[in-house]
Amino acid sequence: MPRGSSSKRERQYEHIKESALDRGESEKRAREIAARTVNKERARAGESRTASRTSLEDMSSSRRGGQRSHNGARGPTYDRLYAEARRRDVHGRSSMNKDRLKRALGR
């Protein structure tokens, strides 16, 4: 965590990191996801010195994550479907689009 971050952001970072680990992400990827999410929230709240345009104008991380979840309007992302297909060793997955991956996984 960046120097000077609040205890709230520390807790948020740990929660996001643990959630990513529970989903099966590697330790390195979980740390990256947590850091990016917390940094974006800090920028949106005016807690950082600089902020990118997308951090300020894009939808919040919590809202976007909810839309991309398994229960969201559009269902799981292509990347999640591809990762599951890879774990299940679905043949021909590299040439499949999102709909074909869903069918191959029985969704």
N, C-alpha and C. Protein backbone atom coordinates (compact mmCIF):
# COMPACT_ATOMS: atom_id res chain seq x y z
N MET A 1 0.83 -1.19 0.00
CA MET A 1 0.00 0.00 0.00
C MET A 1 0.87 1.24 0.00
N PRO A 2 0.41 2.31 -0.65
CA PRO A 2 1.19 3.55 -0.68
C PRO A 2 1.32 4.16 0.71
N ARG A 3 2.41 4.84 0.92
CA ARG A 3 2.64 5.51 2.18
C ARG A 3 1.54 6.54 2.42
N GLY A 4 1.02 6.59 3.65
CA GLY A 4 -0.01 7.56 3.97
C GLY A 4 -1.42 7.11 3.67
N SER A 5 -1.61 5.86 3.29
CA SER A 5 -2.97 5.40 3.01
C SER A 5 -3.69 5.11 4.33
N SER A 6 -4.98 5.25 4.32
CA SER A 6 -5.77 5.11 5.54
C SER A 6 -5.96 3.64 5.91
N SER A 7 -6.40 3.43 7.13
CA SER A 7 -6.65 2.06 7.58
C SER A 7 -7.82 1.45 6.80
N LYS A 8 -8.75 2.32 6.38
CA LYS A 8 -9.87 1.83 5.56
C LYS A 8 -9.34 1.24 4.25
N ARG A 9 -8.42 1.95 3.61
CA ARG A 9 -7.86 1.45 2.34
C ARG A 9 -7.03 0.20 2.56
N GLU A 10 -6.36 0.10 3.71
CA GLU A 10 -5.59 -1.11 4.04
C GLU A 10 -6.54 -2.31 4.14
N ARG A 11 -7.66 -2.12 4.83
CA ARG A 11 -8.64 -3.20 4.97
C ARG A 11 -9.25 -3.55 3.62
N GLN A 12 -9.53 -2.52 2.82
CA GLN A 12 -10.10 -2.75 1.50
C GLN A 12 -9.13 -3.57 0.64
N TYR A 13 -7.86 -3.22 0.69
CA TYR A 13 -6.82 -3.93 -0.07
C TYR A 13 -6.80 -5.40 0.34
N GLU A 14 -6.76 -5.67 1.64
CA GLU A 14 -6.69 -7.05 2.13
C GLU A 14 -7.94 -7.84 1.73
N HIS A 15 -9.10 -7.21 1.83
CA HIS A 15 -10.35 -7.88 1.46
C HIS A 15 -10.36 -8.25 -0.02
N ILE A 16 -9.96 -7.33 -0.87
CA ILE A 16 -9.95 -7.58 -2.31
C ILE A 16 -8.93 -8.67 -2.65
N LYS A 17 -7.77 -8.59 -2.01
CA LYS A 17 -6.72 -9.59 -2.26
C LYS A 17 -7.20 -10.98 -1.84
N GLU A 18 -7.82 -11.09 -0.67
CA GLU A 18 -8.33 -12.39 -0.21
C GLU A 18 -9.42 -12.92 -1.14
N SER A 19 -10.29 -12.04 -1.62
CA SER A 19 -11.34 -12.46 -2.54
C SER A 19 -10.75 -13.01 -3.84
N ALA A 20 -9.72 -12.34 -4.34
CA ALA A 20 -9.07 -12.80 -5.57
C ALA A 20 -8.39 -14.15 -5.35
N LEU A 21 -7.76 -14.33 -4.19
CA LEU A 21 -7.13 -15.61 -3.89
C LEU A 21 -8.18 -16.71 -3.78
N ASP A 22 -9.33 -16.40 -3.19
CA ASP A 22 -10.42 -17.38 -3.09
C ASP A 22 -10.94 -17.79 -4.45
N ARG A 23 -10.88 -16.87 -5.42
CA ARG A 23 -11.33 -17.17 -6.79
C ARG A 23 -10.30 -17.97 -7.57
N GLY A 24 -9.12 -18.19 -6.97
CA GLY A 24 -8.10 -18.99 -7.63
C GLY A 24 -7.02 -18.20 -8.34
N GLU A 25 -6.97 -16.90 -8.14
CA GLU A 25 -5.91 -16.08 -8.74
C GLU A 25 -4.58 -16.37 -8.02
N SER A 26 -3.48 -16.15 -8.70
CA SER A 26 -2.18 -16.32 -8.07
C SER A 26 -1.96 -15.18 -7.07
N GLU A 27 -1.00 -15.36 -6.18
CA GLU A 27 -0.69 -14.33 -5.18
C GLU A 27 -0.32 -13.02 -5.85
N LYS A 28 0.52 -13.10 -6.89
CA LYS A 28 0.96 -11.89 -7.60
C LYS A 28 -0.22 -11.18 -8.26
N ARG A 29 -1.08 -11.95 -8.92
CA ARG A 29 -2.24 -11.36 -9.60
C ARG A 29 -3.23 -10.78 -8.59
N ALA A 30 -3.40 -11.46 -7.46
CA ALA A 30 -4.31 -10.96 -6.41
C ALA A 30 -3.82 -9.62 -5.86
N ARG A 31 -2.50 -9.51 -5.64
CA ARG A 31 -1.94 -8.24 -5.16
C ARG A 31 -2.15 -7.14 -6.19
N GLU A 32 -1.97 -7.48 -7.48
CA GLU A 32 -2.13 -6.49 -8.54
C GLU A 32 -3.58 -6.01 -8.62
N ILE A 33 -4.53 -6.93 -8.58
CA ILE A 33 -5.95 -6.57 -8.64
C ILE A 33 -6.30 -5.66 -7.47
N ALA A 34 -5.86 -6.04 -6.28
CA ALA A 34 -6.18 -5.26 -5.08
C ALA A 34 -5.57 -3.86 -5.16
N ALA A 35 -4.31 -3.79 -5.57
CA ALA A 35 -3.64 -2.48 -5.64
C ALA A 35 -4.30 -1.57 -6.67
N ARG A 36 -4.62 -2.11 -7.83
CA ARG A 36 -5.25 -1.29 -8.87
C ARG A 36 -6.62 -0.79 -8.43
N THR A 37 -7.38 -1.67 -7.79
CA THR A 37 -8.72 -1.29 -7.35
C THR A 37 -8.66 -0.21 -6.28
N VAL A 38 -7.79 -0.42 -5.28
CA VAL A 38 -7.69 0.56 -4.19
C VAL A 38 -7.14 1.88 -4.72
N ASN A 39 -6.16 1.83 -5.60
CA ASN A 39 -5.62 3.08 -6.15
C ASN A 39 -6.69 3.84 -6.94
N LYS A 40 -7.52 3.13 -7.67
CA LYS A 40 -8.59 3.80 -8.41
C LYS A 40 -9.59 4.44 -7.45
N GLU A 41 -9.95 3.73 -6.40
CA GLU A 41 -10.89 4.29 -5.43
C GLU A 41 -10.27 5.49 -4.71
N ARG A 42 -8.97 5.43 -4.42
CA ARG A 42 -8.30 6.58 -3.79
C ARG A 42 -8.34 7.79 -4.73
N ALA A 43 -8.11 7.56 -6.01
CA ALA A 43 -8.13 8.66 -6.99
C ALA A 43 -9.53 9.25 -7.09
N ARG A 44 -10.55 8.40 -7.12
CA ARG A 44 -11.93 8.88 -7.22
C ARG A 44 -12.33 9.68 -5.99
N ALA A 45 -11.76 9.34 -4.84
CA ALA A 45 -12.11 10.03 -3.60
C ALA A 45 -11.23 11.25 -3.35
N GLY A 46 -10.29 11.53 -4.25
CA GLY A 46 -9.41 12.68 -4.10
C GLY A 46 -8.30 12.47 -3.09
N GLU A 47 -7.94 11.21 -2.82
CA GLU A 47 -6.93 10.89 -1.83
C GLU A 47 -5.53 10.73 -2.42
N SER A 48 -5.39 10.90 -3.73
CA SER A 48 -4.08 10.76 -4.36
C SER A 48 -3.69 12.07 -5.04
N ARG A 49 -2.41 12.23 -5.24
CA ARG A 49 -1.93 13.47 -5.87
C ARG A 49 -2.35 13.57 -7.33
N THR A 50 -2.24 12.47 -8.04
CA THR A 50 -2.59 12.47 -9.46
C THR A 50 -3.64 11.39 -9.71
N ALA A 51 -4.38 11.57 -10.79
CA ALA A 51 -5.39 10.58 -11.16
C ALA A 51 -5.55 10.61 -12.67
N SER A 52 -5.66 9.42 -13.25
CA SER A 52 -5.87 9.36 -14.69
C SER A 52 -7.31 9.74 -15.02
N ARG A 53 -7.52 10.13 -16.25
CA ARG A 53 -8.85 10.51 -16.70
C ARG A 53 -9.82 9.34 -16.55
N THR A 54 -9.37 8.13 -16.89
CA THR A 54 -10.27 6.98 -16.78
C THR A 54 -10.61 6.65 -15.33
N SER A 55 -9.68 6.89 -14.41
CA SER A 55 -9.99 6.65 -13.01
C SER A 55 -11.13 7.53 -12.54
N LEU A 56 -11.17 8.74 -13.04
CA LEU A 56 -12.18 9.68 -12.59
C LEU A 56 -13.48 9.57 -13.37
N GLU A 57 -13.41 9.25 -14.66
CA GLU A 57 -14.61 9.26 -15.50
C GLU A 57 -15.27 7.90 -15.66
N ASP A 58 -14.51 6.84 -15.50
CA ASP A 58 -15.05 5.49 -15.65
C ASP A 58 -15.96 5.17 -14.46
N MET A 59 -16.79 4.15 -14.60
CA MET A 59 -17.65 3.76 -13.48
C MET A 59 -16.78 3.21 -12.35
N SER A 60 -17.31 3.22 -11.14
CA SER A 60 -16.53 2.77 -9.98
C SER A 60 -16.19 1.29 -10.11
N SER A 61 -15.12 0.90 -9.46
CA SER A 61 -14.67 -0.49 -9.52
C SER A 61 -15.71 -1.45 -8.96
N SER A 62 -16.37 -1.06 -7.87
CA SER A 62 -17.35 -1.95 -7.27
C SER A 62 -18.56 -2.14 -8.19
N ARG A 63 -18.98 -1.09 -8.87
CA ARG A 63 -20.12 -1.22 -9.79
C ARG A 63 -19.73 -2.07 -11.00
N ARG A 64 -18.56 -1.83 -11.57
CA ARG A 64 -18.12 -2.58 -12.74
C ARG A 64 -17.96 -4.05 -12.41
N GLY A 65 -17.37 -4.35 -11.24
CA GLY A 65 -17.20 -5.75 -10.84
C GLY A 65 -18.52 -6.46 -10.72
N GLY A 66 -19.53 -5.79 -10.22
CA GLY A 66 -20.85 -6.39 -10.11
C GLY A 66 -21.46 -6.68 -11.46
N GLN A 67 -21.19 -5.85 -12.43
CA GLN A 67 -21.74 -6.08 -13.76
C GLN A 67 -21.06 -7.22 -14.48
N ARG A 68 -19.83 -7.52 -14.09
CA ARG A 68 -19.10 -8.59 -14.76
C ARG A 68 -19.16 -9.91 -14.00
N SER A 69 -19.88 -9.94 -12.90
CA SER A 69 -19.95 -11.16 -12.11
C SER A 69 -20.80 -12.21 -12.81
N HIS A 70 -20.82 -13.40 -12.25
CA HIS A 70 -21.59 -14.48 -12.84
C HIS A 70 -23.09 -14.18 -12.85
N ASN A 71 -23.54 -13.35 -11.93
CA ASN A 71 -24.96 -13.03 -11.86
C ASN A 71 -25.30 -11.74 -12.58
N GLY A 72 -24.31 -11.09 -13.16
CA GLY A 72 -24.54 -9.82 -13.84
C GLY A 72 -25.35 -9.97 -15.10
N ALA A 73 -25.70 -8.86 -15.69
CA ALA A 73 -26.56 -8.86 -16.86
C ALA A 73 -25.95 -9.61 -18.04
N ARG A 74 -24.65 -9.48 -18.21
CA ARG A 74 -24.00 -10.13 -19.36
C ARG A 74 -23.29 -11.41 -18.98
N GLY A 75 -23.35 -11.81 -17.72
CA GLY A 75 -22.73 -13.05 -17.28
C GLY A 75 -21.23 -12.91 -17.14
N PRO A 76 -20.53 -14.03 -17.05
CA PRO A 76 -19.08 -14.00 -16.86
C PRO A 76 -18.37 -13.44 -18.10
N THR A 77 -17.19 -12.90 -17.87
CA THR A 77 -16.42 -12.34 -18.98
C THR A 77 -15.84 -13.46 -19.84
N TYR A 78 -15.40 -13.09 -21.02
CA TYR A 78 -14.74 -14.04 -21.91
C TYR A 78 -13.53 -14.66 -21.22
N ASP A 79 -12.76 -13.81 -20.53
CA ASP A 79 -11.54 -14.30 -19.86
C ASP A 79 -11.86 -15.35 -18.80
N ARG A 80 -12.94 -15.12 -18.04
CA ARG A 80 -13.32 -16.11 -17.02
C ARG A 80 -13.76 -17.41 -17.67
N LEU A 81 -14.54 -17.30 -18.74
CA LEU A 81 -14.98 -18.50 -19.44
C LEU A 81 -13.79 -19.26 -20.03
N TYR A 82 -12.85 -18.52 -20.61
CA TYR A 82 -11.68 -19.15 -21.21
C TYR A 82 -10.86 -19.85 -20.14
N ALA A 83 -10.69 -19.19 -18.97
CA ALA A 83 -9.92 -19.80 -17.89
C ALA A 83 -10.58 -21.09 -17.42
N GLU A 84 -11.90 -21.08 -17.32
CA GLU A 84 -12.60 -22.29 -16.91
C GLU A 84 -12.46 -23.38 -17.97
N ALA A 85 -12.55 -23.00 -19.23
CA ALA A 85 -12.38 -23.98 -20.32
C ALA A 85 -10.97 -24.57 -20.29
N ARG A 86 -10.00 -23.75 -19.96
CA ARG A 86 -8.62 -24.23 -19.86
C ARG A 86 -8.48 -25.22 -18.71
N ARG A 87 -9.11 -24.91 -17.56
CA ARG A 87 -9.06 -25.82 -16.42
C ARG A 87 -9.73 -27.15 -16.75
N ARG A 88 -10.81 -27.10 -17.54
CA ARG A 88 -11.54 -28.32 -17.91
C ARG A 88 -10.95 -29.00 -19.15
N ASP A 89 -9.93 -28.40 -19.72
CA ASP A 89 -9.25 -28.92 -20.91
C ASP A 89 -10.22 -29.09 -22.09
N VAL A 90 -10.99 -28.03 -22.38
CA VAL A 90 -11.91 -28.04 -23.51
C VAL A 90 -11.09 -27.86 -24.79
N HIS A 91 -11.22 -28.79 -25.70
CA HIS A 91 -10.45 -28.73 -26.94
C HIS A 91 -11.06 -27.71 -27.91
N GLY A 92 -10.20 -26.95 -28.58
CA GLY A 92 -10.64 -25.95 -29.54
C GLY A 92 -11.02 -24.63 -28.90
N ARG A 93 -10.72 -24.46 -27.62
CA ARG A 93 -11.14 -23.25 -26.90
C ARG A 93 -10.51 -21.98 -27.45
N SER A 94 -9.32 -22.07 -28.00
CA SER A 94 -8.63 -20.86 -28.47
C SER A 94 -9.33 -20.21 -29.66
N SER A 95 -10.10 -20.99 -30.40
CA SER A 95 -10.79 -20.41 -31.56
C SER A 95 -12.26 -20.10 -31.26
N MET A 96 -12.69 -20.31 -30.01
CA MET A 96 -14.10 -20.08 -29.66
C MET A 96 -14.34 -18.64 -29.22
N ASN A 97 -15.53 -18.15 -29.55
CA ASN A 97 -15.95 -16.85 -29.03
C ASN A 97 -16.68 -17.08 -27.71
N LYS A 98 -17.19 -16.00 -27.11
CA LYS A 98 -17.82 -16.10 -25.79
C LYS A 98 -19.03 -17.05 -25.80
N ASP A 99 -19.89 -16.94 -26.81
CA ASP A 99 -21.08 -17.80 -26.86
C ASP A 99 -20.71 -19.27 -27.00
N ARG A 100 -19.72 -19.56 -27.84
CA ARG A 100 -19.31 -20.95 -28.02
C ARG A 100 -18.66 -21.51 -26.76
N LEU A 101 -17.91 -20.67 -26.04
CA LEU A 101 -17.33 -21.10 -24.77
C LEU A 101 -18.44 -21.43 -23.76
N LYS A 102 -19.48 -20.58 -23.72
CA LYS A 102 -20.59 -20.84 -22.82
C LYS A 102 -21.24 -22.19 -23.13
N ARG A 103 -21.49 -22.43 -24.41
CA ARG A 103 -22.10 -23.71 -24.81
C ARG A 103 -21.21 -24.89 -24.47
N ALA A 104 -19.91 -24.75 -24.72
CA ALA A 104 -18.99 -25.85 -24.45
C ALA A 104 -18.90 -26.15 -22.95
N LEU A 105 -19.12 -25.12 -22.13
CA LEU A 105 -19.06 -25.31 -20.68
C LEU A 105 -20.43 -25.67 -20.09
N GLY A 106 -21.45 -25.70 -20.94
CA GLY A 106 -22.79 -26.05 -20.49
C GLY A 106 -23.50 -24.96 -19.72
N ARG A 107 -23.29 -23.72 -20.14
CA ARG A 107 -23.94 -22.59 -19.45
C ARG A 107 -25.07 -22.03 -20.26
